[in-house]
All heavy atoms as atom14 arrays in JSON, in Angstrom:
{
  "sequence": "ESADLVRRSGGGFTVPYGDADGVVRAIERLRGDRNL",
  "atom14_mask": [
    [1, 1, 1, 1, 1, 1, 1, 1, 1, 0, 0, 0, 0, 0],
    [1, 1, 1, 1, 1, 1, 0, 0, 0, 0, 0, 0, 0, 0],
    [1, 1, 1, 1, 1, 0, 0, 0, 0, 0, 0, 0, 0, 0],
    [1, 1, 1, 1, 1, 1, 1, 1, 0, 0, 0, 0, 0, 0],
    [1, 1, 1, 1, 1, 1, 1, 1, 0, 0, 0, 0, 0, 0],
    [1, 1, 1, 1, 1, 1, 1, 0, 0, 0, 0, 0, 0, 0],
    [1, 1, 1, 1, 1, 1, 1, 1, 1, 1, 1, 0, 0, 0],
    [1, 1, 1, 1, 1, 1, 1, 1, 1, 1, 1, 0, 0, 0],
    [1, 1, 1, 1, 1, 1, 0, 0, 0, 0, 0, 0, 0, 0],
    [1, 1, 1, 1, 0, 0, 0, 0, 0, 0, 0, 0, 0, 0],
    [1, 1, 1, 1, 0, 0, 0, 0, 0, 0, 0, 0, 0, 0],
    [1, 1, 1, 1, 0, 0, 0, 0, 0, 0, 0, 0, 0, 0],
    [1, 1, 1, 1, 1, 1, 1, 1, 1, 1, 1, 0, 0, 0],
    [1, 1, 1, 1, 1, 1, 1, 0, 0, 0, 0, 0, 0, 0],
    [1, 1, 1, 1, 1, 1, 1, 0, 0, 0, 0, 0, 0, 0],
    [1, 1, 1, 1, 1, 1, 1, 0, 0, 0, 0, 0, 0, 0],
    [1, 1, 1, 1, 1, 1, 1, 1, 1, 1, 1, 1, 0, 0],
    [1, 1, 1, 1, 0, 0, 0, 0, 0, 0, 0, 0, 0, 0],
    [1, 1, 1, 1, 1, 1, 1, 1, 0, 0, 0, 0, 0, 0],
    [1, 1, 1, 1, 1, 0, 0, 0, 0, 0, 0, 0, 0, 0],
    [1, 1, 1, 1, 1, 1, 1, 1, 0, 0, 0, 0, 0, 0],
    [1, 1, 1, 1, 0, 0, 0, 0, 0, 0, 0, 0, 0, 0],
    [1, 1, 1, 1, 1, 1, 1, 0, 0, 0, 0, 0, 0, 0],
    [1, 1, 1, 1, 1, 1, 1, 0, 0, 0, 0, 0, 0, 0],
    [1, 1, 1, 1, 1, 1, 1, 1, 1, 1, 1, 0, 0, 0],
    [1, 1, 1, 1, 1, 0, 0, 0, 0, 0, 0, 0, 0, 0],
    [1, 1, 1, 1, 1, 1, 1, 1, 0, 0, 0, 0, 0, 0],
    [1, 1, 1, 1, 1, 1, 1, 1, 1, 0, 0, 0, 0, 0],
    [1, 1, 1, 1, 1, 1, 1, 1, 1, 1, 1, 0, 0, 0],
    [1, 1, 1, 1, 1, 1, 1, 1, 0, 0, 0, 0, 0, 0],
    [1, 1, 1, 1, 1, 1, 1, 1, 1, 1, 1, 0, 0, 0],
    [1, 1, 1, 1, 0, 0, 0, 0, 0, 0, 0, 0, 0, 0],
    [1, 1, 1, 1, 1, 1, 1, 1, 0, 0, 0, 0, 0, 0],
    [1, 1, 1, 1, 1, 1, 1, 1, 1, 1, 1, 0, 0, 0],
    [1, 1, 1, 1, 1, 1, 1, 1, 0, 0, 0, 0, 0, 0],
    [1, 1, 1, 1, 1, 1, 1, 1, 0, 0, 0, 0, 0, 0]
  ],
  "atom14_positions": [
    [[-10.18, 23.65, -35.62], [-9.2, 23.76, -34.57], [-9.82, 23.78, -33.16], [-9.25, 23.04, -32.29], [-8.49, 25.08, -34.82], [-7.43, 25.05, -35.85], [-7.91, 25.39, -37.32], [-9.17, 25.56, -37.34], [-7.13, 25.48, -38.19], [0.0, 0.0, 0.0], [0.0, 0.0, 0.0], [0.0, 0.0, 0.0], [0.0, 0.0, 0.0], [0.0, 0.0, 0.0]],
    [[-10.92, 24.43, -32.93], [-11.52, 24.54, -31.67], [-12.13, 23.28, -31.13], [-11.95, 22.77, -30.07], [-12.57, 25.63, -31.58], [-12.04, 26.92, -31.98], [0.0, 0.0, 0.0], [0.0, 0.0, 0.0], [0.0, 0.0, 0.0], [0.0, 0.0, 0.0], [0.0, 0.0, 0.0], [0.0, 0.0, 0.0], [0.0, 0.0, 0.0], [0.0, 0.0, 0.0]],
    [[-12.89, 22.57, -32.06], [-13.56, 21.34, -31.72], [-12.52, 20.26, -31.39], [-12.71, 19.46, -30.41], [-14.55, 20.93, -32.75], [0.0, 0.0, 0.0], [0.0, 0.0, 0.0], [0.0, 0.0, 0.0], [0.0, 0.0, 0.0], [0.0, 0.0, 0.0], [0.0, 0.0, 0.0], [0.0, 0.0, 0.0], [0.0, 0.0, 0.0], [0.0, 0.0, 0.0]],
    [[-11.52, 20.2, -32.28], [-10.48, 19.16, -31.96], [-9.8, 19.39, -30.71], [-9.54, 18.38, -29.93], [-9.47, 19.19, -33.16], [-10.06, 18.68, -34.44], [-11.19, 18.2, -34.49], [-9.31, 18.73, -35.51], [0.0, 0.0, 0.0], [0.0, 0.0, 0.0], [0.0, 0.0, 0.0], [0.0, 0.0, 0.0], [0.0, 0.0, 0.0], [0.0, 0.0, 0.0]],
    [[-9.5, 20.65, -30.36], [-8.74, 20.87, -29.06], [-9.56, 20.62, -27.85], [-9.16, 20.07, -26.9], [-8.32, 22.37, -29.07], [-7.57, 22.82, -27.79], [-6.31, 21.93, -27.53], [-7.16, 24.3, -27.95], [0.0, 0.0, 0.0], [0.0, 0.0, 0.0], [0.0, 0.0, 0.0], [0.0, 0.0, 0.0], [0.0, 0.0, 0.0], [0.0, 0.0, 0.0]],
    [[-10.86, 20.95, -27.97], [-11.82, 20.67, -26.77], [-11.86, 19.19, -26.54], [-11.76, 18.72, -25.42], [-13.19, 21.26, -26.99], [-14.16, 20.69, -25.97], [-13.15, 22.74, -26.99], [0.0, 0.0, 0.0], [0.0, 0.0, 0.0], [0.0, 0.0, 0.0], [0.0, 0.0, 0.0], [0.0, 0.0, 0.0], [0.0, 0.0, 0.0], [0.0, 0.0, 0.0]],
    [[-12.03, 18.37, -27.6], [-12.06, 16.89, -27.47], [-10.79, 16.38, -26.97], [-10.7, 15.42, -26.17], [-12.54, 16.25, -28.8], [-13.99, 16.28, -29.02], [-14.31, 15.28, -30.16], [-13.61, 15.67, -31.35], [-14.12, 16.54, -32.25], [-15.29, 17.1, -32.11], [-13.44, 16.8, -33.35], [0.0, 0.0, 0.0], [0.0, 0.0, 0.0], [0.0, 0.0, 0.0]],
    [[-9.68, 16.84, -27.66], [-8.32, 16.21, -27.32], [-7.99, 16.52, -25.87], [-7.42, 15.66, -25.22], [-7.34, 16.85, -28.32], [-5.89, 16.23, -28.17], [-5.03, 16.71, -29.22], [-4.68, 18.12, -29.15], [-5.05, 19.0, -29.96], [-5.84, 18.72, -31.03], [-4.72, 20.28, -29.82], [0.0, 0.0, 0.0], [0.0, 0.0, 0.0], [0.0, 0.0, 0.0]],
    [[-8.29, 17.72, -25.36], [-7.91, 18.08, -24.01], [-8.9, 17.46, -22.97], [-8.51, 17.41, -21.8], [-7.92, 19.58, -23.88], [-9.13, 20.12, -24.05], [0.0, 0.0, 0.0], [0.0, 0.0, 0.0], [0.0, 0.0, 0.0], [0.0, 0.0, 0.0], [0.0, 0.0, 0.0], [0.0, 0.0, 0.0], [0.0, 0.0, 0.0], [0.0, 0.0, 0.0]],
    [[-10.1, 17.16, -23.33], [-11.12, 16.79, -22.4], [-11.66, 17.98, -21.64], [-12.23, 17.81, -20.55], [0.0, 0.0, 0.0], [0.0, 0.0, 0.0], [0.0, 0.0, 0.0], [0.0, 0.0, 0.0], [0.0, 0.0, 0.0], [0.0, 0.0, 0.0], [0.0, 0.0, 0.0], [0.0, 0.0, 0.0], [0.0, 0.0, 0.0], [0.0, 0.0, 0.0]],
    [[-11.42, 19.17, -22.25], [-11.82, 20.43, -21.47], [-13.22, 20.99, -21.73], [-13.41, 22.17, -21.51], [0.0, 0.0, 0.0], [0.0, 0.0, 0.0], [0.0, 0.0, 0.0], [0.0, 0.0, 0.0], [0.0, 0.0, 0.0], [0.0, 0.0, 0.0], [0.0, 0.0, 0.0], [0.0, 0.0, 0.0], [0.0, 0.0, 0.0], [0.0, 0.0, 0.0]],
    [[-14.16, 20.05, -22.13], [-15.55, 20.59, -22.33], [-16.29, 19.68, -23.21], [-16.07, 18.51, -23.38], [0.0, 0.0, 0.0], [0.0, 0.0, 0.0], [0.0, 0.0, 0.0], [0.0, 0.0, 0.0], [0.0, 0.0, 0.0], [0.0, 0.0, 0.0], [0.0, 0.0, 0.0], [0.0, 0.0, 0.0], [0.0, 0.0, 0.0], [0.0, 0.0, 0.0]],
    [[-17.31, 20.38, -23.84], [-18.28, 19.62, -24.69], [-18.17, 20.23, -26.11], [-18.06, 21.41, -26.28], [-19.74, 19.85, -24.13], [-20.0, 19.25, -22.8], [-19.78, 20.1, -21.67], [-20.4, 17.97, -22.66], [-20.07, 19.62, -20.42], [-20.69, 17.47, -21.27], [-20.45, 18.27, -20.28], [0.0, 0.0, 0.0], [0.0, 0.0, 0.0], [0.0, 0.0, 0.0]],
    [[-18.43, 19.39, -27.05], [-18.64, 19.85, -28.46], [-20.09, 19.41, -28.87], [-20.49, 18.38, -28.68], [-17.7, 19.25, -29.44], [-17.75, 17.79, -29.42], [-16.2, 19.67, -29.07], [0.0, 0.0, 0.0], [0.0, 0.0, 0.0], [0.0, 0.0, 0.0], [0.0, 0.0, 0.0], [0.0, 0.0, 0.0], [0.0, 0.0, 0.0], [0.0, 0.0, 0.0]],
    [[-20.83, 20.4, -29.43], [-22.15, 20.21, -29.83], [-22.37, 20.62, -31.32], [-21.79, 21.66, -31.7], [-23.15, 21.08, -28.93], [-24.58, 21.0, -29.47], [-22.97, 20.75, -27.48], [0.0, 0.0, 0.0], [0.0, 0.0, 0.0], [0.0, 0.0, 0.0], [0.0, 0.0, 0.0], [0.0, 0.0, 0.0], [0.0, 0.0, 0.0], [0.0, 0.0, 0.0]],
    [[-23.05, 19.77, -32.08], [-23.15, 20.15, -33.54], [-23.89, 21.47, -33.67], [-24.74, 21.84, -32.87], [-24.03, 18.98, -34.02], [-23.77, 17.85, -33.07], [-23.61, 18.5, -31.74], [0.0, 0.0, 0.0], [0.0, 0.0, 0.0], [0.0, 0.0, 0.0], [0.0, 0.0, 0.0], [0.0, 0.0, 0.0], [0.0, 0.0, 0.0], [0.0, 0.0, 0.0]],
    [[-23.52, 22.11, -34.73], [-24.17, 23.38, -35.2], [-25.71, 23.14, -35.28], [-26.19, 22.24, -35.9], [-23.55, 23.83, -36.49], [-24.19, 25.02, -37.07], [-24.01, 26.31, -36.54], [-25.06, 24.94, -38.21], [-24.61, 27.4, -37.1], [-25.63, 26.11, -38.78], [-25.38, 27.32, -38.24], [-25.89, 28.41, -38.79], [0.0, 0.0, 0.0], [0.0, 0.0, 0.0]],
    [[-26.49, 24.1, -34.62], [-27.94, 23.95, -34.76], [-28.56, 23.12, -33.64], [-29.83, 23.12, -33.52], [0.0, 0.0, 0.0], [0.0, 0.0, 0.0], [0.0, 0.0, 0.0], [0.0, 0.0, 0.0], [0.0, 0.0, 0.0], [0.0, 0.0, 0.0], [0.0, 0.0, 0.0], [0.0, 0.0, 0.0], [0.0, 0.0, 0.0], [0.0, 0.0, 0.0]],
    [[-27.79, 22.44, -32.81], [-28.39, 21.51, -31.81], [-28.55, 22.27, -30.45], [-27.75, 22.09, -29.57], [-27.38, 20.34, -31.68], [-28.02, 19.25, -30.76], [-29.16, 19.37, -30.26], [-27.24, 18.28, -30.5], [0.0, 0.0, 0.0], [0.0, 0.0, 0.0], [0.0, 0.0, 0.0], [0.0, 0.0, 0.0], [0.0, 0.0, 0.0], [0.0, 0.0, 0.0]],
    [[-29.63, 22.97, -30.37], [-29.97, 23.68, -29.16], [-30.18, 22.71, -28.01], [-29.81, 22.95, -26.81], [-31.13, 24.62, -29.28], [0.0, 0.0, 0.0], [0.0, 0.0, 0.0], [0.0, 0.0, 0.0], [0.0, 0.0, 0.0], [0.0, 0.0, 0.0], [0.0, 0.0, 0.0], [0.0, 0.0, 0.0], [0.0, 0.0, 0.0], [0.0, 0.0, 0.0]],
    [[-30.84, 21.55, -28.3], [-31.12, 20.6, -27.26], [-29.85, 20.03, -26.67], [-29.7, 19.7, -25.53], [-31.92, 19.43, -27.85], [-33.4, 19.86, -28.14], [-33.82, 20.88, -27.58], [-34.05, 19.18, -28.94], [0.0, 0.0, 0.0], [0.0, 0.0, 0.0], [0.0, 0.0, 0.0], [0.0, 0.0, 0.0], [0.0, 0.0, 0.0], [0.0, 0.0, 0.0]],
    [[-28.79, 19.88, -27.55], [-27.5, 19.41, -27.07], [-26.84, 20.41, -26.15], [-26.17, 20.07, -25.13], [0.0, 0.0, 0.0], [0.0, 0.0, 0.0], [0.0, 0.0, 0.0], [0.0, 0.0, 0.0], [0.0, 0.0, 0.0], [0.0, 0.0, 0.0], [0.0, 0.0, 0.0], [0.0, 0.0, 0.0], [0.0, 0.0, 0.0], [0.0, 0.0, 0.0]],
    [[-27.11, 21.74, -26.4], [-26.58, 22.77, -25.44], [-27.25, 22.61, -24.16], [-26.65, 22.69, -23.07], [-26.78, 24.12, -26.03], [-26.41, 25.19, -25.03], [-25.95, 24.31, -27.27], [0.0, 0.0, 0.0], [0.0, 0.0, 0.0], [0.0, 0.0, 0.0], [0.0, 0.0, 0.0], [0.0, 0.0, 0.0], [0.0, 0.0, 0.0], [0.0, 0.0, 0.0]],
    [[-28.54, 22.46, -24.15], [-29.33, 22.23, -22.85], [-28.87, 21.06, -22.08], [-28.66, 21.1, -20.88], [-30.89, 22.14, -23.17], [-31.61, 21.84, -21.89], [-31.38, 23.46, -23.82], [0.0, 0.0, 0.0], [0.0, 0.0, 0.0], [0.0, 0.0, 0.0], [0.0, 0.0, 0.0], [0.0, 0.0, 0.0], [0.0, 0.0, 0.0], [0.0, 0.0, 0.0]],
    [[-28.65, 19.93, -22.79], [-28.18, 18.7, -22.18], [-26.85, 18.9, -21.49], [-26.64, 18.46, -20.34], [-28.18, 17.55, -23.1], [-29.56, 17.01, -23.49], [-29.41, 15.67, -24.21], [-28.67, 15.78, -25.5], [-29.27, 16.11, -26.67], [-30.51, 16.28, -26.73], [-28.46, 16.08, -27.74], [0.0, 0.0, 0.0], [0.0, 0.0, 0.0], [0.0, 0.0, 0.0]],
    [[-25.92, 19.55, -22.13], [-24.59, 19.84, -21.6], [-24.68, 20.74, -20.32], [-24.02, 20.46, -19.31], [-23.7, 20.46, -22.6], [0.0, 0.0, 0.0], [0.0, 0.0, 0.0], [0.0, 0.0, 0.0], [0.0, 0.0, 0.0], [0.0, 0.0, 0.0], [0.0, 0.0, 0.0], [0.0, 0.0, 0.0], [0.0, 0.0, 0.0], [0.0, 0.0, 0.0]],
    [[-25.54, 21.82, -20.42], [-25.69, 22.64, -19.22], [-26.31, 21.91, -18.05], [-25.91, 22.08, -16.95], [-26.54, 23.85, -19.64], [-25.75, 24.77, -20.67], [-26.95, 24.7, -18.44], [-26.54, 25.88, -21.22], [0.0, 0.0, 0.0], [0.0, 0.0, 0.0], [0.0, 0.0, 0.0], [0.0, 0.0, 0.0], [0.0, 0.0, 0.0], [0.0, 0.0, 0.0]],
    [[-27.33, 21.09, -18.34], [-28.01, 20.38, -17.28], [-27.06, 19.32, -16.65], [-27.07, 19.1, -15.42], [-29.19, 19.67, -17.76], [-30.33, 20.69, -18.08], [-31.62, 19.98, -18.58], [-31.57, 18.89, -19.18], [-32.71, 20.6, -18.33], [0.0, 0.0, 0.0], [0.0, 0.0, 0.0], [0.0, 0.0, 0.0], [0.0, 0.0, 0.0], [0.0, 0.0, 0.0]],
    [[-26.11, 18.78, -17.48], [-25.21, 17.81, -16.91], [-24.17, 18.52, -15.97], [-23.88, 18.08, -14.94], [-24.48, 17.14, -18.01], [-23.57, 15.98, -17.63], [-22.94, 15.28, -18.75], [-21.95, 14.31, -18.35], [-21.11, 13.68, -19.11], [-21.15, 13.91, -20.47], [-20.27, 12.85, -18.66], [0.0, 0.0, 0.0], [0.0, 0.0, 0.0], [0.0, 0.0, 0.0]],
    [[-23.77, 19.72, -16.38], [-22.79, 20.43, -15.56], [-23.5, 20.94, -14.24], [-22.89, 20.98, -13.19], [-22.25, 21.69, -16.28], [-21.27, 21.33, -17.41], [-20.97, 22.58, -18.24], [-20.0, 20.75, -16.85], [0.0, 0.0, 0.0], [0.0, 0.0, 0.0], [0.0, 0.0, 0.0], [0.0, 0.0, 0.0], [0.0, 0.0, 0.0], [0.0, 0.0, 0.0]],
    [[-24.77, 21.29, -14.39], [-25.54, 21.76, -13.21], [-25.73, 20.62, -12.25], [-25.61, 20.87, -11.02], [-26.9, 22.28, -13.62], [-27.74, 22.85, -12.48], [-27.03, 24.06, -11.86], [-27.73, 24.46, -10.61], [-27.09, 24.62, -9.46], [-25.9, 24.38, -9.38], [-27.8, 25.03, -8.38], [0.0, 0.0, 0.0], [0.0, 0.0, 0.0], [0.0, 0.0, 0.0]],
    [[-25.91, 19.41, -12.69], [-26.04, 18.28, -11.85], [-24.81, 17.74, -11.31], [-24.79, 16.93, -10.31], [0.0, 0.0, 0.0], [0.0, 0.0, 0.0], [0.0, 0.0, 0.0], [0.0, 0.0, 0.0], [0.0, 0.0, 0.0], [0.0, 0.0, 0.0], [0.0, 0.0, 0.0], [0.0, 0.0, 0.0], [0.0, 0.0, 0.0], [0.0, 0.0, 0.0]],
    [[-23.64, 18.06, -11.87], [-22.34, 17.55, -11.43], [-21.28, 18.58, -11.51], [-20.6, 18.75, -12.53], [-21.99, 16.33, -12.36], [-20.77, 15.61, -11.8], [-20.13, 16.06, -10.88], [-20.42, 14.53, -12.4], [0.0, 0.0, 0.0], [0.0, 0.0, 0.0], [0.0, 0.0, 0.0], [0.0, 0.0, 0.0], [0.0, 0.0, 0.0], [0.0, 0.0, 0.0]],
    [[-21.23, 19.38, -10.46], [-20.2, 20.51, -10.44], [-18.82, 19.97, -10.5], [-17.93, 20.72, -11.01], [-20.45, 21.38, -9.21], [-21.76, 22.13, -9.14], [-21.8, 23.14, -10.38], [-22.98, 24.0, -10.34], [-22.96, 25.27, -9.9], [-21.84, 25.76, -9.39], [-24.08, 25.96, -9.89], [0.0, 0.0, 0.0], [0.0, 0.0, 0.0], [0.0, 0.0, 0.0]],
    [[-18.58, 18.79, -9.99], [-17.29, 18.29, -9.97], [-16.77, 17.97, -11.44], [-15.63, 18.15, -11.75], [-17.17, 16.95, -9.14], [-15.78, 16.54, -8.92], [-14.87, 17.33, -8.53], [-15.42, 15.25, -9.17], [0.0, 0.0, 0.0], [0.0, 0.0, 0.0], [0.0, 0.0, 0.0], [0.0, 0.0, 0.0], [0.0, 0.0, 0.0], [0.0, 0.0, 0.0]],
    [[-17.71, 17.61, -12.31], [-17.37, 17.38, -13.71], [-16.84, 18.62, -14.34], [-15.84, 18.56, -15.03], [-18.61, 16.86, -14.46], [-18.44, 16.7, -15.95], [-17.39, 15.58, -16.24], [-19.83, 16.35, -16.59], [0.0, 0.0, 0.0], [0.0, 0.0, 0.0], [0.0, 0.0, 0.0], [0.0, 0.0, 0.0], [0.0, 0.0, 0.0], [0.0, 0.0, 0.0]]
  ]
}
């Protein structure tokens, strides 16, 4: 339910379970683009 809603709404990122590097990439992307 949560992953589908985040993708459908465009309201954020979905990262696979266990993917800490994916979390870091998403955070760095937001840090570099506050407007996003």
